Amino acid sequence: MKLVVLALAAWGLWIALRRGRPDPLRVVVAWADGSEVELASGPERERLVAVAERALP
């Protein structure tokens, strides 16, 4: 019985974490020196996504 409860708890945690994930689309700006920054949702990110969608087939 404990094994069933543990399995259900693990499954529930997996479902909860999966639903709480942010947008799978990530926008990362990187420089030649190795530094980078990930852009959060906002106008800059949306602008870069639009440019990338036009540039990439």
C-alpha atoms as a PDB file:
ATOM      1  CA  MET A   1       0.000   0.000   0.000  1.00  0.00           C
ATOM      2  CA  LYS A   2       2.830   2.409   0.850  1.00  0.00           C
ATOM      3  CA  LEU A   3       4.386   1.762  -2.546  1.00  0.00           C
ATOM      4  CA  VAL A   4       1.141   2.727  -4.296  1.00  0.00           C
ATOM      5  CA  VAL A   5       0.871   5.933  -2.264  1.00  0.00           C
ATOM      6  CA  LEU A   6       4.508   6.777  -3.010  1.00  0.00           C
ATOM      7  CA  ALA A   7       3.999   6.142  -6.730  1.00  0.00           C
ATOM      8  CA  LEU A   8       0.872   8.329  -6.800  1.00  0.00           C
ATOM      9  CA  ALA A   9       2.672  11.107  -4.906  1.00  0.00           C
ATOM     10  CA  ALA A  10       5.590  10.988  -7.358  1.00  0.00           C
ATOM     11  CA  TRP A  11       3.198  11.055 -10.309  1.00  0.00           C
ATOM     12  CA  GLY A  12       1.302  14.009  -8.824  1.00  0.00           C
ATOM     13  CA  LEU A  13       4.529  15.914  -8.224  1.00  0.00           C
ATOM     14  CA  TRP A  14       5.635  15.235 -11.803  1.00  0.00           C
ATOM     15  CA  ILE A  15       2.291  16.557 -13.141  1.00  0.00           C
ATOM     16  CA  ALA A  16       2.469  19.661 -10.911  1.00  0.00           C
ATOM     17  CA  LEU A  17       6.017  20.488 -11.987  1.00  0.00           C
ATOM     18  CA  ARG A  18       5.193  19.924 -15.644  1.00  0.00           C
ATOM     19  CA  ARG A  19       2.260  22.334 -15.535  1.00  0.00           C
ATOM     20  CA  GLY A  20       4.278  25.001 -13.753  1.00  0.00           C
ATOM     21  CA  ARG A  21       6.948  25.206 -16.438  1.00  0.00           C
ATOM     22  CA  PRO A  22       7.401  28.517 -18.191  1.00  0.00           C
ATOM     23  CA  ASP A  23       7.119  29.018 -21.914  1.00  0.00           C
ATOM     24  CA  PRO A  24       9.352  26.416 -23.611  1.00  0.00           C
ATOM     25  CA  LEU A  25      10.596  29.062 -26.035  1.00  0.00           C
ATOM     26  CA  ARG A  26      13.845  30.485 -24.664  1.00  0.00           C
ATOM     27  CA  VAL A  27      15.587  33.570 -25.984  1.00  0.00           C
ATOM     28  CA  VAL A  28      19.253  33.740 -25.036  1.00  0.00           C
ATOM     29  CA  VAL A  29      21.572  36.500 -26.224  1.00  0.00           C
ATOM     30  CA  ALA A  30      25.233  35.446 -26.164  1.00  0.00           C
ATOM     31  CA  TRP A  31      28.452  37.363 -26.731  1.00  0.00           C
ATOM     32  CA  ALA A  32      31.850  36.223 -28.024  1.00  0.00           C
ATOM     33  CA  ASP A  33      33.392  36.389 -24.537  1.00  0.00           C
ATOM     34  CA  GLY A  34      31.051  33.613 -23.380  1.00  0.00           C
ATOM     35  CA  SER A  35      28.636  35.735 -21.387  1.00  0.00           C
ATOM     36  CA  GLU A  36      24.940  35.418 -22.050  1.00  0.00           C
ATOM     37  CA  VAL A  37      21.567  36.587 -20.817  1.00  0.00           C
ATOM     38  CA  GLU A  38      18.145  34.966 -21.126  1.00  0.00           C
ATOM     39  CA  LEU A  39      15.362  37.411 -21.949  1.00  0.00           C
ATOM     40  CA  ALA A  40      12.138  37.158 -19.983  1.00  0.00           C
ATOM     41  CA  SER A  41       8.759  37.796 -21.577  1.00  0.00           C
ATOM     42  CA  GLY A  42       8.482  41.328 -22.829  1.00  0.00           C
ATOM     43  CA  PRO A  43       8.671  43.507 -25.913  1.00  0.00           C
ATOM     44  CA  GLU A  44      12.387  42.911 -26.543  1.00  0.00           C
ATOM     45  CA  ARG A  45      11.918  39.158 -26.463  1.00  0.00           C
ATOM     46  CA  GLU A  46       8.903  39.259 -28.744  1.00  0.00           C
ATOM     47  CA  ARG A  47      10.775  41.463 -31.219  1.00  0.00           C
ATOM     48  CA  LEU A  48      13.720  39.048 -31.344  1.00  0.00           C
ATOM     49  CA  VAL A  49      11.387  36.063 -31.755  1.00  0.00           C
ATOM     50  CA  ALA A  50       9.674  37.760 -34.699  1.00  0.00           C
ATOM     51  CA  VAL A  51      13.024  38.493 -36.375  1.00  0.00           C
ATOM     52  CA  ALA A  52      14.233  34.928 -35.794  1.00  0.00           C
ATOM     53  CA  GLU A  53      11.018  33.443 -37.217  1.00  0.00           C
ATOM     54  CA  ARG A  54      11.492  35.439 -40.427  1.00  0.00           C
ATOM     55  CA  ALA A  55      15.213  34.640 -40.670  1.00  0.00           C
ATOM     56  CA  LEU A  56      15.012  30.912 -39.935  1.00  0.00           C
ATOM     57  CA  PRO A  57      13.139  28.617 -42.313  1.00  0.00           C
END
